[in-house]
Amino acid sequence: MNIMKKYFLLILLAGFFTLTSCSSDDDGDDDFEQNIVATWHLTAVEPPLLDFSECSTNPTITFEEDETTEWTFYNAENDCKPETDTGMWNQNTESNYTVTIPGFGSFDGTVEFQNENEFIFTSSYQTIPVVLYFEK
């Protein structure tokens, strides 16, 4: 009978630890606002199709609520003075966007938010896979 009490206590403790160690899926890392409407700095491009290392300021894109964009580029050939151009953007699905990049055209791609301050845009340019990294 004493052995039965030990097994019962062991099963009871195992059940307790199983219940208390469970976590809710609601506590995931995706609890941040995934809003593209803001000004973002282009921090990297893979493969390196753009070389913006010659100027100390990275290009920016501002996504406006009216689905327009304003790009600001800094060109070393122009003494790194800001040059702006406008484009369009559209959210096609939860993570699929169409973005017009001045001088390059329209791109359909996937936006993956890393957190509230970073996202990755994956698309292709002339059949070459391209990844653009943005930060606020």
C-alpha atoms as a PDB file:
ATOM      1  CA  MET A   1       0.000   0.000   0.000  1.00  0.00           C
ATOM      2  CA  ASN A   2       2.883   2.313   0.716  1.00  0.00           C
ATOM      3  CA  ILE A   3       4.188   1.729  -2.852  1.00  0.00           C
ATOM      4  CA  MET A   4       0.767   2.682  -4.257  1.00  0.00           C
ATOM      5  CA  LYS A   5       0.892   5.999  -2.374  1.00  0.00           C
ATOM      6  CA  LYS A   6       4.349   6.719  -3.832  1.00  0.00           C
ATOM      7  CA  TYR A   7       3.148   5.988  -7.384  1.00  0.00           C
ATOM      8  CA  PHE A   8       0.061   8.108  -6.837  1.00  0.00           C
ATOM      9  CA  LEU A   9       2.194  10.981  -5.513  1.00  0.00           C
ATOM     10  CA  LEU A  10       4.620  10.592  -8.441  1.00  0.00           C
ATOM     11  CA  ILE A  11       1.760  10.688 -10.982  1.00  0.00           C
ATOM     12  CA  LEU A  12       0.218  13.682  -9.211  1.00  0.00           C
ATOM     13  CA  LEU A  13       3.541  15.590  -9.267  1.00  0.00           C
ATOM     14  CA  ALA A  14       4.156  14.700 -12.923  1.00  0.00           C
ATOM     15  CA  GLY A  15       0.693  15.989 -13.809  1.00  0.00           C
ATOM     16  CA  PHE A  16       1.295  19.183 -11.851  1.00  0.00           C
ATOM     17  CA  PHE A  17       4.614  19.912 -13.588  1.00  0.00           C
ATOM     18  CA  THR A  18       3.124  19.101 -16.978  1.00  0.00           C
ATOM     19  CA  LEU A  19       0.293  21.575 -16.442  1.00  0.00           C
ATOM     20  CA  THR A  20       2.461  24.347 -15.021  1.00  0.00           C
ATOM     21  CA  SER A  21       5.158  24.073 -17.698  1.00  0.00           C
ATOM     22  CA  CYS A  22       2.746  24.557 -20.600  1.00  0.00           C
ATOM     23  CA  SER A  23       2.867  27.953 -22.233  1.00  0.00           C
ATOM     24  CA  SER A  24       0.273  29.646 -24.342  1.00  0.00           C
ATOM     25  CA  ASP A  25       0.852  30.189 -28.052  1.00  0.00           C
ATOM     26  CA  ASP A  26      -0.430  33.721 -27.477  1.00  0.00           C
ATOM     27  CA  ASP A  27       2.922  34.547 -25.871  1.00  0.00           C
ATOM     28  CA  GLY A  28       4.719  34.229 -29.211  1.00  0.00           C
ATOM     29  CA  ASP A  29       7.174  36.705 -30.664  1.00  0.00           C
ATOM     30  CA  ASP A  30       4.597  38.029 -33.154  1.00  0.00           C
ATOM     31  CA  ASP A  31       2.878  40.273 -30.607  1.00  0.00           C
ATOM     32  CA  PHE A  32       4.245  43.415 -32.260  1.00  0.00           C
ATOM     33  CA  GLU A  33       2.434  45.706 -34.634  1.00  0.00           C
ATOM     34  CA  GLN A  34       3.184  44.748 -38.224  1.00  0.00           C
ATOM     35  CA  ASN A  35       2.617  48.106 -39.871  1.00  0.00           C
ATOM     36  CA  ILE A  36       4.629  49.039 -42.924  1.00  0.00           C
ATOM     37  CA  VAL A  37       3.395  52.660 -42.893  1.00  0.00           C
ATOM     38  CA  ALA A  38       6.498  54.507 -41.655  1.00  0.00           C
ATOM     39  CA  THR A  39       9.917  55.675 -42.800  1.00  0.00           C
ATOM     40  CA  TRP A  40      12.414  52.828 -43.188  1.00  0.00           C
ATOM     41  CA  HIS A  41      16.176  52.817 -43.819  1.00  0.00           C
ATOM     42  CA  LEU A  42      17.496  50.341 -46.366  1.00  0.00           C
ATOM     43  CA  THR A  43      20.375  48.697 -44.484  1.00  0.00           C
ATOM     44  CA  ALA A  44      21.430  45.895 -46.831  1.00  0.00           C
ATOM     45  CA  VAL A  45      20.710  44.275 -50.185  1.00  0.00           C
ATOM     46  CA  GLU A  46      21.536  40.671 -51.093  1.00  0.00           C
ATOM     47  CA  PRO A  47      23.062  40.167 -53.565  1.00  0.00           C
ATOM     48  CA  PRO A  48      24.651  43.637 -53.425  1.00  0.00           C
ATOM     49  CA  LEU A  49      22.945  45.189 -56.469  1.00  0.00           C
ATOM     50  CA  LEU A  50      23.191  48.650 -54.900  1.00  0.00           C
ATOM     51  CA  ASP A  51      26.366  50.087 -53.408  1.00  0.00           C
ATOM     52  CA  PHE A  52      25.388  52.729 -50.922  1.00  0.00           C
ATOM     53  CA  SER A  53      28.508  52.420 -48.776  1.00  0.00           C
ATOM     54  CA  GLU A  54      30.140  55.467 -50.413  1.00  0.00           C
ATOM     55  CA  CYS A  55      27.686  57.808 -48.690  1.00  0.00           C
ATOM     56  CA  SER A  56      27.285  57.857 -44.932  1.00  0.00           C
ATOM     57  CA  THR A  57      23.469  57.882 -45.123  1.00  0.00           C
ATOM     58  CA  ASN A  58      21.483  54.842 -46.227  1.00  0.00           C
ATOM     59  CA  PRO A  59      18.562  55.185 -48.639  1.00  0.00           C
ATOM     60  CA  THR A  60      15.128  55.533 -47.058  1.00  0.00           C
ATOM     61  CA  ILE A  61      11.610  54.687 -48.109  1.00  0.00           C
ATOM     62  CA  THR A  62       8.498  56.182 -46.591  1.00  0.00           C
ATOM     63  CA  PHE A  63       5.359  54.089 -46.979  1.00  0.00           C
ATOM     64  CA  GLU A  64       2.354  56.427 -46.826  1.00  0.00           C
ATOM     65  CA  GLU A  65      -1.193  55.395 -45.873  1.00  0.00           C
ATOM     66  CA  ASP A  66      -2.444  56.387 -49.344  1.00  0.00           C
ATOM     67  CA  GLU A  67      -0.233  53.604 -50.809  1.00  0.00           C
ATOM     68  CA  THR A  68       2.403  55.973 -52.169  1.00  0.00           C
ATOM     69  CA  THR A  69       6.097  55.826 -51.357  1.00  0.00           C
ATOM     70  CA  GLU A  70       8.851  58.375 -51.227  1.00  0.00           C
ATOM     71  CA  TRP A  71      12.353  57.063 -51.767  1.00  0.00           C
ATOM     72  CA  THR A  72      15.424  59.078 -50.816  1.00  0.00           C
ATOM     73  CA  PHE A  73      18.718  57.969 -52.329  1.00  0.00           C
ATOM     74  CA  TYR A  74      22.210  59.327 -51.680  1.00  0.00           C
ATOM     75  CA  ASN A  75      24.464  59.132 -54.730  1.00  0.00           C
ATOM     76  CA  ALA A  76      28.242  59.564 -54.399  1.00  0.00           C
ATOM     77  CA  GLU A  77      28.341  61.004 -57.928  1.00  0.00           C
ATOM     78  CA  ASN A  78      26.142  63.844 -56.644  1.00  0.00           C
ATOM     79  CA  ASP A  79      28.259  64.538 -53.514  1.00  0.00           C
ATOM     80  CA  CYS A  80      25.880  62.333 -51.484  1.00  0.00           C
ATOM     81  CA  LYS A  81      23.121  64.930 -51.713  1.00  0.00           C
ATOM     82  CA  PRO A  82      19.630  63.452 -51.237  1.00  0.00           C
ATOM     83  CA  GLU A  83      17.666  62.623 -54.372  1.00  0.00           C
ATOM     84  CA  THR A  84      13.984  61.788 -53.930  1.00  0.00           C
ATOM     85  CA  ASP A  85      11.553  59.912 -56.113  1.00  0.00           C
ATOM     86  CA  THR A  86       8.051  58.587 -55.602  1.00  0.00           C
ATOM     87  CA  GLY A  87       6.430  55.246 -56.179  1.00  0.00           C
ATOM     88  CA  MET A  88       3.511  53.094 -55.141  1.00  0.00           C
ATOM     89  CA  TRP A  89       2.942  50.162 -52.829  1.00  0.00           C
ATOM     90  CA  ASN A  90       0.096  47.733 -52.290  1.00  0.00           C
ATOM     91  CA  GLN A  91      -0.545  44.972 -49.772  1.00  0.00           C
ATOM     92  CA  ASN A  92      -1.854  42.007 -51.780  1.00  0.00           C
ATOM     93  CA  THR A  93      -2.145  39.482 -48.941  1.00  0.00           C
ATOM     94  CA  GLU A  94      -1.054  39.403 -45.317  1.00  0.00           C
ATOM     95  CA  SER A  95       2.629  39.143 -46.248  1.00  0.00           C
ATOM     96  CA  ASN A  96       2.704  39.762 -50.029  1.00  0.00           C
ATOM     97  CA  TYR A  97       3.300  43.307 -51.228  1.00  0.00           C
ATOM     98  CA  THR A  98       3.877  45.065 -54.536  1.00  0.00           C
ATOM     99  CA  VAL A  99       6.426  47.876 -54.273  1.00  0.00           C
ATOM    100  CA  THR A 100       7.595  50.229 -57.029  1.00  0.00           C
ATOM    101  CA  ILE A 101      11.285  51.047 -56.724  1.00  0.00           C
ATOM    102  CA  PRO A 102      12.284  54.081 -58.823  1.00  0.00           C
ATOM    103  CA  GLY A 103      14.659  53.087 -61.603  1.00  0.00           C
ATOM    104  CA  PHE A 104      13.957  49.384 -61.114  1.00  0.00           C
ATOM    105  CA  GLY A 105      10.191  48.966 -61.570  1.00  0.00           C
ATOM    106  CA  SER A 106       7.466  47.108 -59.652  1.00  0.00           C
ATOM    107  CA  PHE A 107       8.238  44.100 -57.511  1.00  0.00           C
ATOM    108  CA  ASP A 108       5.956  41.532 -55.933  1.00  0.00           C
ATOM    109  CA  GLY A 109       7.503  40.110 -52.819  1.00  0.00           C
ATOM    110  CA  THR A 110       7.144  38.843 -49.310  1.00  0.00           C
ATOM    111  CA  VAL A 111       7.433  41.123 -46.296  1.00  0.00           C
ATOM    112  CA  GLU A 112       8.606  39.404 -43.126  1.00  0.00           C
ATOM    113  CA  PHE A 113       8.566  41.581 -40.017  1.00  0.00           C
ATOM    114  CA  GLN A 114      11.378  40.683 -37.627  1.00  0.00           C
ATOM    115  CA  ASN A 115       9.994  43.022 -34.963  1.00  0.00           C
ATOM    116  CA  GLU A 116       8.367  46.473 -34.890  1.00  0.00           C
ATOM    117  CA  ASN A 117      11.550  48.085 -36.205  1.00  0.00           C
ATOM    118  CA  GLU A 118      12.803  45.664 -38.865  1.00  0.00           C
ATOM    119  CA  PHE A 119      11.456  43.876 -41.895  1.00  0.00           C
ATOM    120  CA  ILE A 120      12.824  41.893 -44.814  1.00  0.00           C
ATOM    121  CA  PHE A 121      11.452  42.210 -48.353  1.00  0.00           C
ATOM    122  CA  THR A 122      12.170  39.176 -50.553  1.00  0.00           C
ATOM    123  CA  SER A 123      11.574  39.401 -54.293  1.00  0.00           C
ATOM    124  CA  SER A 124      13.477  38.928 -57.546  1.00  0.00           C
ATOM    125  CA  TYR A 125      15.091  41.258 -60.075  1.00  0.00           C
ATOM    126  CA  GLN A 126      15.515  39.931 -63.623  1.00  0.00           C
ATOM    127  CA  THR A 127      15.065  36.372 -62.271  1.00  0.00           C
ATOM    128  CA  ILE A 128      17.712  36.941 -59.555  1.00  0.00           C
ATOM    129  CA  PRO A 129      16.418  36.471 -55.981  1.00  0.00           C
ATOM    130  CA  VAL A 130      16.843  39.722 -54.045  1.00  0.00           C
ATOM    131  CA  VAL A 131      16.496  40.406 -50.323  1.00  0.00           C
ATOM    132  CA  LEU A 132      16.165  43.970 -49.004  1.00  0.00           C
ATOM    133  CA  TYR A 133      16.673  44.648 -45.283  1.00  0.00           C
ATOM    134  CA  PHE A 134      14.930  47.625 -43.671  1.00  0.00           C
ATOM    135  CA  GLU A 135      15.068  49.234 -40.215  1.00  0.00           C
ATOM    136  CA  LYS A 136      13.253  52.202 -38.680  1.00  0.00           C
END
